[in-house]
N, C-alpha and C. Protein backbone atom coordinates (compact mmCIF):
# COMPACT_ATOMS: atom_id res chain seq x y z
N MET A 1 -40.58 215.69 14.86
CA MET A 1 -39.33 215.83 14.14
C MET A 1 -38.16 216.01 15.10
N LYS A 2 -38.36 216.82 16.17
CA LYS A 2 -37.29 217.03 17.14
C LYS A 2 -36.93 215.72 17.83
N ARG A 3 -37.95 214.90 18.16
CA ARG A 3 -37.68 213.61 18.81
C ARG A 3 -36.90 212.70 17.87
N LEU A 4 -37.27 212.69 16.60
CA LEU A 4 -36.56 211.86 15.63
C LEU A 4 -35.11 212.30 15.54
N PHE A 5 -34.88 213.62 15.45
CA PHE A 5 -33.51 214.12 15.37
C PHE A 5 -32.73 213.77 16.62
N SER A 6 -33.36 213.92 17.80
CA SER A 6 -32.68 213.58 19.05
C SER A 6 -32.31 212.11 19.09
N ALA A 7 -33.21 211.25 18.65
CA ALA A 7 -32.94 209.82 18.64
C ALA A 7 -31.81 209.49 17.67
N VAL A 8 -31.84 210.09 16.49
CA VAL A 8 -30.80 209.84 15.50
C VAL A 8 -29.47 210.36 16.00
N LEU A 9 -29.45 211.56 16.57
CA LEU A 9 -28.21 212.14 17.08
C LEU A 9 -27.66 211.31 18.23
N SER A 10 -28.53 210.86 19.13
CA SER A 10 -28.08 210.02 20.25
C SER A 10 -27.47 208.72 19.74
N GLY A 11 -28.10 208.13 18.76
CA GLY A 11 -27.58 206.90 18.18
C GLY A 11 -26.25 207.13 17.48
N ALA A 12 -26.16 208.23 16.76
CA ALA A 12 -24.91 208.56 16.05
C ALA A 12 -23.78 208.79 17.05
N LEU A 13 -24.08 209.49 18.13
CA LEU A 13 -23.07 209.74 19.15
C LEU A 13 -22.61 208.43 19.77
N ALA A 14 -23.56 207.56 20.09
CA ALA A 14 -23.20 206.28 20.70
C ALA A 14 -22.33 205.45 19.75
N LEU A 15 -22.68 205.43 18.47
CA LEU A 15 -21.90 204.67 17.50
C LEU A 15 -20.52 205.24 17.29
N SER A 16 -20.40 206.56 17.38
CA SER A 16 -19.10 207.17 17.12
C SER A 16 -18.16 207.05 18.32
N LEU A 17 -18.70 206.86 19.52
CA LEU A 17 -17.87 206.82 20.71
C LEU A 17 -17.58 205.41 21.21
N VAL A 18 -18.32 204.41 20.71
CA VAL A 18 -18.17 203.05 21.20
C VAL A 18 -17.82 202.13 20.04
N GLY A 19 -16.92 201.21 20.28
CA GLY A 19 -16.57 200.23 19.26
C GLY A 19 -16.00 199.00 19.93
N CYS A 20 -16.17 197.85 19.31
CA CYS A 20 -15.67 196.61 19.90
C CYS A 20 -14.16 196.60 20.00
N ASP A 21 -13.47 196.85 18.90
CA ASP A 21 -12.02 196.80 18.92
C ASP A 21 -11.39 198.11 18.47
N ALA A 22 -12.18 199.15 18.43
CA ALA A 22 -11.67 200.45 17.99
C ALA A 22 -10.86 201.11 19.10
N GLU A 23 -9.83 201.83 18.69
CA GLU A 23 -9.07 202.56 19.70
C GLU A 23 -9.86 203.80 20.12
N PRO A 24 -9.64 204.28 21.34
CA PRO A 24 -10.41 205.42 21.83
C PRO A 24 -10.24 206.64 20.93
N LYS A 25 -11.31 207.38 20.78
CA LYS A 25 -11.29 208.58 19.95
C LYS A 25 -10.87 209.77 20.80
N ALA A 26 -10.22 210.73 20.17
CA ALA A 26 -9.83 211.96 20.85
C ALA A 26 -11.04 212.89 20.86
N ILE A 27 -11.54 213.18 22.04
CA ILE A 27 -12.72 214.03 22.16
C ILE A 27 -12.27 215.47 22.38
N ALA A 28 -12.55 216.32 21.39
CA ALA A 28 -12.18 217.73 21.48
C ALA A 28 -13.28 218.53 22.17
N GLN A 29 -14.52 218.13 21.99
CA GLN A 29 -15.68 218.82 22.58
C GLN A 29 -16.57 217.78 23.23
N ASP A 30 -16.97 218.02 24.49
CA ASP A 30 -17.88 217.07 25.12
C ASP A 30 -19.26 217.66 25.38
N LYS A 31 -19.39 218.97 25.24
CA LYS A 31 -20.69 219.62 25.35
C LYS A 31 -20.78 220.67 24.26
N PHE A 32 -21.84 220.60 23.49
CA PHE A 32 -22.02 221.58 22.42
C PHE A 32 -23.45 221.54 21.92
N ARG A 33 -23.82 222.57 21.20
CA ARG A 33 -25.13 222.63 20.55
C ARG A 33 -24.92 222.32 19.08
N VAL A 34 -25.92 221.70 18.50
CA VAL A 34 -25.87 221.36 17.08
C VAL A 34 -27.03 222.03 16.37
N GLN A 35 -26.72 222.60 15.23
CA GLN A 35 -27.76 223.09 14.35
C GLN A 35 -27.62 222.29 13.06
N LEU A 36 -28.67 221.62 12.66
CA LEU A 36 -28.66 220.78 11.47
C LEU A 36 -29.48 221.46 10.38
N ARG A 37 -28.85 221.59 9.20
CA ARG A 37 -29.56 222.16 8.05
C ARG A 37 -29.35 221.27 6.84
N VAL A 38 -30.41 221.03 6.11
CA VAL A 38 -30.32 220.30 4.86
C VAL A 38 -30.26 221.33 3.74
N VAL A 39 -29.17 221.26 2.96
CA VAL A 39 -28.93 222.21 1.87
C VAL A 39 -28.76 221.40 0.59
N PRO A 40 -29.85 221.21 -0.17
CA PRO A 40 -29.79 220.35 -1.34
C PRO A 40 -28.68 220.70 -2.35
N GLY A 41 -28.32 221.95 -2.50
CA GLY A 41 -27.30 222.35 -3.47
C GLY A 41 -25.88 222.35 -2.93
N LEU A 42 -25.66 221.80 -1.74
CA LEU A 42 -24.34 221.78 -1.13
C LEU A 42 -23.35 221.04 -2.04
N GLU A 43 -22.15 221.61 -2.22
CA GLU A 43 -21.16 221.00 -3.13
C GLU A 43 -20.63 219.67 -2.61
N THR A 44 -20.54 219.52 -1.30
CA THR A 44 -20.05 218.29 -0.69
C THR A 44 -21.23 217.56 -0.05
N ARG A 45 -21.04 216.30 0.32
CA ARG A 45 -22.15 215.54 0.93
C ARG A 45 -22.50 216.05 2.32
N GLY A 46 -21.51 216.60 3.03
CA GLY A 46 -21.75 217.12 4.37
C GLY A 46 -20.63 218.04 4.80
N LEU A 47 -20.91 218.87 5.81
CA LEU A 47 -19.94 219.84 6.29
C LEU A 47 -20.30 220.18 7.73
N ALA A 48 -19.28 220.27 8.58
CA ALA A 48 -19.50 220.70 9.97
C ALA A 48 -18.59 221.90 10.22
N VAL A 49 -19.16 222.97 10.70
CA VAL A 49 -18.39 224.18 11.01
C VAL A 49 -18.81 224.71 12.37
N TRP A 50 -17.83 225.24 13.10
CA TRP A 50 -18.11 225.86 14.39
C TRP A 50 -18.36 227.34 14.17
N GLN A 51 -19.44 227.83 14.74
CA GLN A 51 -19.77 229.24 14.63
C GLN A 51 -20.52 229.67 15.88
N GLU A 52 -19.96 230.64 16.58
CA GLU A 52 -20.57 231.21 17.78
C GLU A 52 -20.91 230.13 18.81
N GLY A 53 -19.96 229.22 19.07
CA GLY A 53 -20.15 228.20 20.09
C GLY A 53 -21.12 227.09 19.73
N GLU A 54 -21.46 226.97 18.47
CA GLU A 54 -22.41 225.98 18.02
C GLU A 54 -21.83 225.23 16.82
N CYS A 55 -22.01 223.94 16.80
CA CYS A 55 -21.55 223.15 15.66
C CYS A 55 -22.69 223.10 14.64
N GLN A 56 -22.45 223.67 13.49
CA GLN A 56 -23.47 223.68 12.45
C GLN A 56 -23.15 222.57 11.46
N ILE A 57 -24.10 221.66 11.30
CA ILE A 57 -23.95 220.56 10.36
C ILE A 57 -24.83 220.84 9.16
N LEU A 58 -24.19 220.84 8.00
CA LEU A 58 -24.91 221.03 6.74
C LEU A 58 -24.84 219.71 5.98
N LEU A 59 -25.98 219.23 5.54
CA LEU A 59 -26.05 217.98 4.78
C LEU A 59 -26.74 218.22 3.45
N ARG A 60 -26.22 217.62 2.41
CA ARG A 60 -26.90 217.71 1.11
C ARG A 60 -28.21 216.92 1.16
N GLU A 61 -28.16 215.76 1.83
CA GLU A 61 -29.35 214.92 1.97
C GLU A 61 -29.33 214.26 3.34
N TYR A 62 -30.41 214.40 4.10
CA TYR A 62 -30.51 213.80 5.43
C TYR A 62 -30.90 212.35 5.28
N PRO A 63 -30.35 211.43 6.05
CA PRO A 63 -29.31 211.53 7.07
C PRO A 63 -27.92 211.22 6.56
N GLU A 64 -27.72 211.25 5.24
CA GLU A 64 -26.43 210.92 4.65
C GLU A 64 -25.30 211.75 5.29
N CYS A 65 -24.29 211.12 5.77
CA CYS A 65 -23.08 211.72 6.36
C CYS A 65 -23.31 212.35 7.73
N LEU A 66 -24.45 212.14 8.36
CA LEU A 66 -24.71 212.74 9.67
C LEU A 66 -23.67 212.27 10.69
N LEU A 67 -23.41 210.97 10.76
CA LEU A 67 -22.44 210.45 11.72
C LEU A 67 -21.05 211.04 11.46
N HIS A 68 -20.67 211.12 10.22
CA HIS A 68 -19.36 211.69 9.85
C HIS A 68 -19.22 213.12 10.38
N GLU A 69 -20.25 213.92 10.17
CA GLU A 69 -20.19 215.33 10.58
C GLU A 69 -20.30 215.49 12.10
N VAL A 70 -21.07 214.63 12.76
CA VAL A 70 -21.13 214.67 14.23
C VAL A 70 -19.75 214.36 14.80
N ARG A 71 -19.04 213.43 14.16
CA ARG A 71 -17.67 213.14 14.61
C ARG A 71 -16.79 214.38 14.52
N HIS A 72 -16.98 215.20 13.48
CA HIS A 72 -16.21 216.44 13.39
C HIS A 72 -16.56 217.38 14.55
N CYS A 73 -17.82 217.43 14.93
CA CYS A 73 -18.22 218.27 16.06
C CYS A 73 -17.53 217.82 17.35
N ILE A 74 -17.42 216.51 17.54
CA ILE A 74 -16.87 215.97 18.77
C ILE A 74 -15.35 215.87 18.72
N GLU A 75 -14.80 215.37 17.63
CA GLU A 75 -13.38 215.06 17.55
C GLU A 75 -12.55 216.10 16.80
N GLY A 76 -13.18 217.09 16.22
CA GLY A 76 -12.43 218.05 15.40
C GLY A 76 -12.11 217.43 14.05
N ASP A 77 -10.97 217.77 13.49
CA ASP A 77 -10.57 217.24 12.18
C ASP A 77 -9.97 215.86 12.36
N TRP A 78 -10.80 214.82 12.37
CA TRP A 78 -10.35 213.46 12.64
C TRP A 78 -9.74 212.78 11.43
N HIS A 79 -9.73 213.43 10.29
CA HIS A 79 -9.03 212.88 9.12
C HIS A 79 -8.24 214.00 8.44
N PRO A 80 -7.25 214.57 9.16
CA PRO A 80 -6.50 215.70 8.62
C PRO A 80 -5.74 215.36 7.33
N GLY A 81 -5.80 216.31 6.41
CA GLY A 81 -5.04 216.17 5.18
C GLY A 81 -5.64 215.27 4.12
N ARG A 82 -6.83 214.76 4.36
CA ARG A 82 -7.45 213.90 3.35
C ARG A 82 -8.96 214.09 3.35
N GLU A 83 -9.53 214.07 2.18
CA GLU A 83 -10.98 214.11 2.06
C GLU A 83 -11.49 212.67 2.14
N THR A 84 -12.59 212.48 2.84
CA THR A 84 -13.13 211.13 2.97
C THR A 84 -14.63 211.21 3.20
N ASP A 85 -15.31 210.14 2.87
CA ASP A 85 -16.73 210.06 3.19
C ASP A 85 -16.99 208.86 4.09
N GLU A 86 -15.99 208.52 4.94
CA GLU A 86 -16.19 207.47 5.94
C GLU A 86 -17.41 207.81 6.79
N ASP A 87 -18.14 206.82 7.20
CA ASP A 87 -19.35 206.99 8.01
C ASP A 87 -20.49 207.66 7.26
N CYS A 88 -20.39 207.76 5.95
CA CYS A 88 -21.49 208.32 5.16
C CYS A 88 -22.31 207.16 4.61
N PHE A 89 -23.55 207.08 5.07
CA PHE A 89 -24.41 205.98 4.65
C PHE A 89 -25.53 206.50 3.79
């Protein structure tokens, strides 16, 4: 399971940082720890919060919205003032 998560996280990071014609992303954090929890009753599809130097990602259903929430860990609030489910597959 840890290997699967590492592979998925590595892929998500690569996809979020690289793009053919995308403009460069603002990287707020370049080193961090991630704690991933699946919370079936979560009101939103996903949530990323910083707590004690660790980015905690909560997902209603794995892997739905994982890339979106990893982007929050790396870029901070990359869609300020609007709710969105971009990158939620």
